[in-house]
């Protein structure tokens, strides 16, 4: 019946001329932004769990008065060191969820991650070096 010319002339016939149904579109995966988010989170976690405690120990030995921003950073660092089982899953799960965003949302997430990384690095550096800058005036000062 398929070889019948009248059957082939029908508009709703399913023969070789009909295109295959289109495959459903897969959601794009933003692996680049996931990798960037993972590197960002791992670097911040490494700083909080390894570098900041060394500064905290140094500040405790010198017994210098700490500003509030430094106390907050040391408290966050102590919390991250006390419960690393909360930090490590975040290093895996957050980048994995960022990788499943749409292109538009991934572009927004990329900007948010860059701004968040820059802000957190500026905050950490200023919090760690603010007590050192306040001590600078008293280190070489001559007393009458």
N, C-alpha and C. Protein backbone atom coordinates (compact mmCIF):
# COMPACT_ATOMS: atom_id res chain seq x y z
N UNK A 1 0.81 -1.19 0.00
CA UNK A 1 0.00 0.00 0.00
C UNK A 1 0.86 1.26 0.00
N UNK A 2 2.08 1.22 0.59
CA UNK A 2 2.96 2.38 0.62
C UNK A 2 3.41 2.79 -0.78
N UNK A 3 3.49 1.83 -1.68
CA UNK A 3 3.94 2.14 -3.03
C UNK A 3 2.83 2.68 -3.91
N UNK A 4 1.64 2.73 -3.43
CA UNK A 4 0.51 3.26 -4.18
C UNK A 4 0.68 4.77 -4.33
N UNK A 5 0.60 5.32 -5.56
CA UNK A 5 0.79 6.76 -5.77
C UNK A 5 -0.28 7.61 -5.07
N UNK A 6 -1.47 7.10 -4.96
CA UNK A 6 -2.51 7.87 -4.26
C UNK A 6 -2.22 7.96 -2.76
N UNK A 7 -1.70 6.90 -2.22
CA UNK A 7 -1.36 6.91 -0.80
C UNK A 7 -0.21 7.89 -0.51
N UNK A 8 0.77 7.95 -1.41
CA UNK A 8 1.90 8.87 -1.23
C UNK A 8 1.46 10.32 -1.38
N UNK A 9 0.43 10.59 -2.10
CA UNK A 9 -0.02 11.96 -2.31
C UNK A 9 -0.75 12.52 -1.10
N UNK A 10 -1.15 11.68 -0.19
CA UNK A 10 -1.85 12.16 1.00
C UNK A 10 -0.90 12.99 1.87
N UNK A 11 -1.39 14.11 2.40
CA UNK A 11 -0.49 14.98 3.17
C UNK A 11 -0.10 14.41 4.53
N UNK A 12 -0.88 13.50 5.07
CA UNK A 12 -0.58 12.99 6.40
C UNK A 12 0.06 11.60 6.35
N UNK A 13 0.68 11.27 5.24
CA UNK A 13 1.29 9.95 5.15
C UNK A 13 2.63 9.96 5.87
N UNK A 14 2.95 8.82 6.47
CA UNK A 14 4.21 8.67 7.20
C UNK A 14 5.15 7.81 6.37
N UNK A 15 5.87 8.43 5.51
CA UNK A 15 6.81 7.68 4.71
C UNK A 15 8.21 8.29 4.88
N UNK A 16 9.13 7.93 4.01
CA UNK A 16 10.51 8.35 4.14
C UNK A 16 10.70 9.86 3.96
N UNK A 17 9.73 10.55 3.36
CA UNK A 17 9.88 11.99 3.14
C UNK A 17 9.65 12.79 4.41
N UNK A 18 9.00 12.22 5.38
CA UNK A 18 8.71 12.96 6.62
C UNK A 18 9.97 13.01 7.48
N UNK A 19 10.26 14.17 8.04
CA UNK A 19 11.46 14.26 8.89
C UNK A 19 11.25 13.52 10.21
N UNK A 20 12.35 13.12 10.79
CA UNK A 20 12.32 12.46 12.09
C UNK A 20 11.90 13.49 13.15
N UNK A 21 11.23 13.04 14.18
CA UNK A 21 10.88 14.00 15.24
C UNK A 21 12.14 14.54 15.91
N UNK A 22 12.09 15.82 16.23
CA UNK A 22 13.25 16.47 16.84
C UNK A 22 13.45 15.95 18.26
N UNK A 23 14.70 15.76 18.61
CA UNK A 23 15.03 15.31 19.95
C UNK A 23 14.80 16.47 20.93
N UNK A 24 14.34 16.17 22.11
CA UNK A 24 14.13 17.26 23.07
C UNK A 24 15.45 17.93 23.42
N UNK A 25 15.40 19.26 23.56
CA UNK A 25 16.61 19.99 23.86
C UNK A 25 17.06 19.73 25.29
N UNK A 26 18.35 19.49 25.43
CA UNK A 26 18.92 19.30 26.76
C UNK A 26 19.22 20.66 27.36
N UNK A 27 19.09 20.73 28.64
CA UNK A 27 19.42 21.95 29.34
C UNK A 27 20.93 22.15 29.28
N UNK A 28 21.40 23.34 28.89
CA UNK A 28 22.84 23.54 28.79
C UNK A 28 23.51 23.46 30.16
N UNK A 29 24.70 22.93 30.17
CA UNK A 29 25.44 22.81 31.42
C UNK A 29 26.57 23.82 31.40
N UNK A 30 26.67 24.60 32.45
CA UNK A 30 27.68 25.64 32.54
C UNK A 30 28.85 25.10 33.36
N UNK A 31 29.67 24.27 32.74
CA UNK A 31 30.78 23.67 33.48
C UNK A 31 31.86 24.67 33.80
N UNK A 32 32.02 25.68 32.95
CA UNK A 32 33.04 26.69 33.21
C UNK A 32 32.74 27.46 34.48
N UNK A 33 31.50 27.87 34.64
CA UNK A 33 31.12 28.62 35.84
C UNK A 33 31.15 27.70 37.06
N UNK A 34 30.85 26.43 36.88
CA UNK A 34 30.94 25.48 38.00
C UNK A 34 32.38 25.32 38.46
N UNK A 35 33.29 25.22 37.52
CA UNK A 35 34.70 25.10 37.86
C UNK A 35 35.19 26.36 38.57
N UNK A 36 34.79 27.51 38.04
CA UNK A 36 35.18 28.78 38.66
C UNK A 36 34.62 28.89 40.07
N UNK A 37 33.36 28.51 40.26
CA UNK A 37 32.75 28.57 41.59
C UNK A 37 33.45 27.60 42.54
N UNK A 38 33.81 26.43 42.06
CA UNK A 38 34.51 25.46 42.90
C UNK A 38 35.88 25.95 43.32
N UNK A 39 36.61 26.56 42.38
CA UNK A 39 37.93 27.10 42.71
C UNK A 39 37.80 28.25 43.69
N UNK A 40 36.80 29.10 43.49
CA UNK A 40 36.56 30.22 44.40
C UNK A 40 36.26 29.71 45.80
N UNK A 41 35.34 28.79 45.92
CA UNK A 41 34.96 28.29 47.24
C UNK A 41 36.11 27.54 47.92
N UNK A 42 36.87 26.78 47.14
CA UNK A 42 38.00 26.05 47.72
C UNK A 42 39.09 27.01 48.20
N UNK A 43 39.32 28.08 47.46
CA UNK A 43 40.35 29.04 47.89
C UNK A 43 39.90 29.79 49.14
N UNK A 44 38.65 30.20 49.20
CA UNK A 44 38.15 30.89 50.39
C UNK A 44 38.15 29.94 51.59
N UNK A 45 37.75 28.69 51.39
CA UNK A 45 37.77 27.72 52.48
C UNK A 45 39.19 27.45 52.94
N UNK A 46 40.13 27.36 52.02
CA UNK A 46 41.53 27.16 52.39
C UNK A 46 42.08 28.33 53.19
N UNK A 47 41.73 29.54 52.78
CA UNK A 47 42.18 30.72 53.53
C UNK A 47 41.56 30.73 54.92
N UNK A 48 40.26 30.45 54.98
CA UNK A 48 39.58 30.48 56.28
C UNK A 48 40.04 29.37 57.22
N UNK A 49 40.41 28.23 56.67
CA UNK A 49 40.73 27.09 57.53
C UNK A 49 42.22 26.91 57.79
N UNK A 50 43.08 27.59 57.01
CA UNK A 50 44.51 27.39 57.19
C UNK A 50 45.28 28.69 57.45
N UNK A 51 44.95 29.76 56.76
CA UNK A 51 45.70 31.01 56.88
C UNK A 51 45.20 31.84 58.05
N UNK A 52 43.90 32.04 58.14
CA UNK A 52 43.34 32.89 59.19
C UNK A 52 43.63 32.35 60.60
N UNK A 53 43.58 31.05 60.86
CA UNK A 53 43.93 30.59 62.21
C UNK A 53 45.37 30.93 62.61
N UNK A 54 46.29 30.95 61.65
CA UNK A 54 47.67 31.34 61.97
C UNK A 54 47.73 32.80 62.41
N UNK A 55 46.99 33.67 61.72
CA UNK A 55 46.93 35.07 62.13
C UNK A 55 46.26 35.20 63.49
N UNK A 56 45.21 34.43 63.73
CA UNK A 56 44.53 34.47 65.02
C UNK A 56 45.45 34.07 66.16
N UNK A 57 46.26 33.05 65.92
CA UNK A 57 47.23 32.61 66.93
C UNK A 57 48.27 33.71 67.20
N UNK A 58 48.70 34.35 66.12
CA UNK A 58 49.67 35.43 66.27
C UNK A 58 49.06 36.60 67.05
N UNK A 59 47.81 36.96 66.76
CA UNK A 59 47.15 38.06 67.46
C UNK A 59 46.97 37.72 68.95
N UNK A 60 46.69 36.46 69.25
CA UNK A 60 46.52 36.06 70.65
C UNK A 60 47.85 36.09 71.42
N UNK A 61 48.94 35.76 70.75
CA UNK A 61 50.24 35.80 71.40
C UNK A 61 50.70 37.22 71.68
N UNK A 62 50.44 38.12 70.74
CA UNK A 62 50.87 39.50 70.88
C UNK A 62 49.91 40.27 71.78
N UNK A 63 48.72 39.78 71.93
CA UNK A 63 47.68 40.41 72.75
C UNK A 63 47.36 41.82 72.27
N UNK A 64 47.14 41.93 70.98
CA UNK A 64 46.78 43.21 70.37
C UNK A 64 45.26 43.35 70.38
N UNK A 65 44.80 44.59 70.54
CA UNK A 65 43.36 44.85 70.50
C UNK A 65 42.87 44.63 69.06
N UNK A 66 41.82 43.84 68.92
CA UNK A 66 41.32 43.50 67.58
C UNK A 66 40.07 44.30 67.27
N UNK A 67 39.98 44.85 66.06
CA UNK A 67 38.74 45.51 65.64
C UNK A 67 37.64 44.48 65.40
N UNK A 68 36.42 44.94 65.31
CA UNK A 68 35.27 44.05 65.14
C UNK A 68 35.33 43.22 63.88
N UNK A 69 35.82 43.78 62.78
CA UNK A 69 35.88 43.04 61.52
C UNK A 69 36.84 41.85 61.64
N UNK A 70 37.92 42.03 62.39
CA UNK A 70 38.87 40.94 62.59
C UNK A 70 38.29 39.88 63.52
N UNK A 71 37.59 40.32 64.56
CA UNK A 71 36.94 39.36 65.46
C UNK A 71 35.90 38.53 64.71
N UNK A 72 35.16 39.18 63.81
CA UNK A 72 34.16 38.45 63.02
C UNK A 72 34.83 37.43 62.10
N UNK A 73 35.93 37.81 61.46
CA UNK A 73 36.66 36.89 60.59
C UNK A 73 37.22 35.71 61.38
N UNK A 74 37.78 35.99 62.55
CA UNK A 74 38.31 34.90 63.38
C UNK A 74 37.20 33.97 63.86
N UNK A 75 36.03 34.52 64.16
CA UNK A 75 34.89 33.68 64.58
C UNK A 75 34.43 32.78 63.43
N UNK A 76 34.36 33.33 62.21
CA UNK A 76 33.96 32.53 61.05
C UNK A 76 35.01 31.45 60.78
N UNK A 77 36.28 31.81 60.91
CA UNK A 77 37.35 30.84 60.71
C UNK A 77 37.30 29.73 61.76
N UNK A 78 37.07 30.10 63.02
CA UNK A 78 36.96 29.08 64.07
C UNK A 78 35.78 28.14 63.82
N UNK A 79 34.67 28.71 63.35
CA UNK A 79 33.49 27.89 63.05
C UNK A 79 33.78 26.94 61.88
N UNK A 80 34.47 27.43 60.85
CA UNK A 80 34.79 26.57 59.70
C UNK A 80 35.75 25.46 60.09
N UNK A 81 36.67 25.76 61.00
CA UNK A 81 37.61 24.73 61.46
C UNK A 81 36.94 23.74 62.41
N UNK A 82 35.93 24.21 63.15
CA UNK A 82 35.26 23.33 64.12
C UNK A 82 34.33 22.34 63.43
N UNK A 83 33.69 22.74 62.34
CA UNK A 83 32.75 21.85 61.64
C UNK A 83 33.11 21.76 60.15
N UNK A 84 34.24 21.13 59.83
CA UNK A 84 34.60 21.02 58.41
C UNK A 84 33.66 20.12 57.63
N UNK A 85 32.90 19.27 58.31
CA UNK A 85 31.94 18.40 57.62
C UNK A 85 30.80 19.21 57.03
N UNK A 86 30.65 20.49 57.39
CA UNK A 86 29.68 21.37 56.72
C UNK A 86 30.33 22.12 55.56
N UNK A 87 31.62 22.36 55.66
CA UNK A 87 32.32 23.14 54.64
C UNK A 87 32.56 22.29 53.39
N UNK A 88 33.03 21.06 53.57
CA UNK A 88 33.40 20.23 52.42
C UNK A 88 32.21 19.87 51.51
N UNK A 89 31.04 19.53 52.02
CA UNK A 89 29.92 19.30 51.10
C UNK A 89 29.52 20.56 50.33
N UNK A 90 29.67 21.72 50.96
CA UNK A 90 29.36 22.97 50.26
C UNK A 90 30.31 23.19 49.08
N UNK A 91 31.55 22.72 49.23
CA UNK A 91 32.52 22.84 48.14
C UNK A 91 32.12 21.99 46.94
N UNK A 92 31.33 20.96 47.17
CA UNK A 92 30.91 20.07 46.08
C UNK A 92 29.52 20.44 45.57
N UNK A 93 28.60 20.68 46.48
CA UNK A 93 27.21 20.87 46.09
C UNK A 93 26.94 22.22 45.43
N UNK A 94 27.53 23.29 45.93
CA UNK A 94 27.25 24.60 45.34
C UNK A 94 27.72 24.72 43.89
N UNK A 95 28.95 24.33 43.55
CA UNK A 95 29.32 24.37 42.14
C UNK A 95 28.47 23.44 41.26
N UNK A 96 28.06 22.32 41.81
CA UNK A 96 27.22 21.40 41.03
C UNK A 96 25.87 22.02 40.71
N UNK A 97 25.30 22.78 41.65
CA UNK A 97 24.02 23.42 41.37
C UNK A 97 24.18 24.59 40.42
N UNK A 98 25.30 25.28 40.49
CA UNK A 98 25.53 26.39 39.57
C UNK A 98 25.65 25.87 38.14
N UNK A 99 26.18 24.68 37.98
CA UNK A 99 26.35 24.11 36.65
C UNK A 99 25.05 23.75 35.96
N UNK A 100 23.96 23.68 36.67
CA UNK A 100 22.68 23.32 36.08
C UNK A 100 21.81 24.54 35.73
N UNK A 101 22.36 25.73 35.84
CA UNK A 101 21.58 26.94 35.54
C UNK A 101 21.46 27.14 34.04
N UNK A 102 20.46 27.90 33.65
CA UNK A 102 20.32 28.26 32.24
C UNK A 102 21.42 29.25 31.87
N UNK A 103 21.54 29.55 30.59
CA UNK A 103 22.61 30.45 30.15
C UNK A 103 22.48 31.84 30.75
N UNK A 104 21.28 32.34 30.80
CA UNK A 104 21.05 33.69 31.35
C UNK A 104 21.35 33.71 32.85
N UNK A 105 20.87 32.72 33.55
CA UNK A 105 21.12 32.65 34.99
C UNK A 105 22.60 32.38 35.27
N UNK A 106 23.27 31.61 34.41
CA UNK A 106 24.69 31.34 34.58
C UNK A 106 25.51 32.61 34.39
N UNK A 107 25.10 33.46 33.46
CA UNK A 107 25.80 34.72 33.27
C UNK A 107 25.66 35.61 34.50
N UNK A 108 24.47 35.63 35.07
CA UNK A 108 24.27 36.41 36.30
C UNK A 108 25.06 35.80 37.45
N UNK A 109 25.09 34.49 37.54
CA UNK A 109 25.83 33.83 38.60
C UNK A 109 27.33 34.09 38.46
N UNK A 110 27.81 34.15 37.24
CA UNK A 110 29.23 34.42 37.01
C UNK A 110 29.61 35.80 37.54
N UNK A 111 28.78 36.79 37.27
CA UNK A 111 29.04 38.14 37.77
C UNK A 111 28.96 38.15 39.30
N UNK A 112 27.97 37.47 39.86
CA UNK A 112 27.82 37.42 41.32
C UNK A 112 29.01 36.72 41.97
N UNK A 113 29.52 35.68 41.35
CA UNK A 113 30.67 34.96 41.90
C UNK A 113 31.92 35.82 41.85
N UNK A 114 32.13 36.53 40.75
CA UNK A 114 33.30 37.41 40.64
C UNK A 114 33.24 38.52 41.68
N UNK A 115 32.07 39.15 41.81
CA UNK A 115 31.92 40.23 42.80
C UNK A 115 32.07 39.67 44.22
N UNK A 116 31.48 38.51 44.48
CA UNK A 116 31.59 37.89 45.80
C UNK A 116 33.02 37.52 46.14
N UNK A 117 33.75 37.00 45.15
CA UNK A 117 35.15 36.64 45.39
C UNK A 117 35.98 37.88 45.69
N UNK A 118 35.81 38.92 44.89
CA UNK A 118 36.57 40.16 45.11
C UNK A 118 36.23 40.77 46.47
N UNK A 119 34.95 40.81 46.81
CA UNK A 119 34.54 41.39 48.10
C UNK A 119 35.07 40.57 49.27
N UNK A 120 35.04 39.26 49.16
CA UNK A 120 35.52 38.44 50.28
C UNK A 120 37.04 38.53 50.43
N UNK A 121 37.78 38.61 49.34
CA UNK A 121 39.23 38.76 49.42
C UNK A 121 39.58 40.12 50.03
N UNK A 122 38.90 41.17 49.60
CA UNK A 122 39.15 42.49 50.18
C UNK A 122 38.81 42.49 51.66
N UNK A 123 37.71 41.85 52.04
CA UNK A 123 37.30 41.80 53.44
C UNK A 123 38.32 41.01 54.27
N UNK A 124 38.78 39.88 53.78
CA UNK A 124 39.73 39.06 54.52
C UNK A 124 41.06 39.79 54.68
N UNK A 125 41.55 40.38 53.60
CA UNK A 125 42.83 41.09 53.67
C UNK A 125 42.75 42.28 54.61
N UNK A 126 41.67 43.06 54.50
CA UNK A 126 41.55 44.21 55.39
C UNK A 126 41.37 43.78 56.84
N UNK A 127 40.63 42.70 57.08
CA UNK A 127 40.42 42.23 58.46
C UNK A 127 41.71 41.69 59.07
N UNK A 128 42.55 41.07 58.26
CA UNK A 128 43.80 40.52 58.80
C UNK A 128 44.88 41.58 59.00
N UNK A 129 44.91 42.57 58.15
CA UNK A 129 45.98 43.55 58.25
C UNK A 129 45.60 44.82 58.99
N UNK A 130 44.34 45.00 59.33
CA UNK A 130 43.93 46.18 60.11
C UNK A 130 44.58 46.19 61.50
N UNK A 131 44.63 45.08 62.24
CA UNK A 131 45.33 45.12 63.53
C UNK A 131 46.83 45.38 63.37
N UNK A 132 47.42 44.87 62.30
CA UNK A 132 48.84 45.10 62.08
C UNK A 132 49.12 46.57 61.77
N UNK A 133 48.23 47.21 61.03
CA UNK A 133 48.41 48.63 60.72
C UNK A 133 48.20 49.49 61.96
N UNK A 134 47.31 49.07 62.84
CA UNK A 134 47.10 49.86 64.06
C UNK A 134 48.28 49.71 65.01
N UNK A 135 49.00 48.60 64.96
CA UNK A 135 50.18 48.40 65.80
C UNK A 135 51.40 49.11 65.23
N UNK A 136 51.36 49.45 63.96
CA UNK A 136 52.53 50.03 63.30
C UNK A 136 52.99 51.32 63.98
N UNK A 137 52.07 52.13 64.45
CA UNK A 137 52.44 53.39 65.10
C UNK A 137 53.16 53.16 66.42
N UNK A 138 52.88 52.09 67.11
CA UNK A 138 53.48 51.86 68.40
C UNK A 138 54.75 51.04 68.38
N UNK A 139 55.14 50.50 67.23
CA UNK A 139 56.30 49.62 67.18
C UNK A 139 57.59 50.43 67.32
N UNK A 140 57.74 51.50 66.58
CA UNK A 140 59.00 52.23 66.60
C UNK A 140 58.91 53.57 67.32
N UNK A 141 57.81 53.82 67.99
CA UNK A 141 57.63 55.12 68.62
C UNK A 141 58.55 55.25 69.84
N UNK A 142 59.11 56.43 69.97
CA UNK A 142 59.99 56.70 71.13
C UNK A 142 59.15 57.25 72.25
N UNK A 143 59.37 56.73 73.41
CA UNK A 143 58.62 57.20 74.58
C UNK A 143 59.49 58.18 75.35
N UNK A 144 58.92 59.31 75.80
CA UNK A 144 59.73 60.31 76.51
C UNK A 144 60.13 59.86 77.88
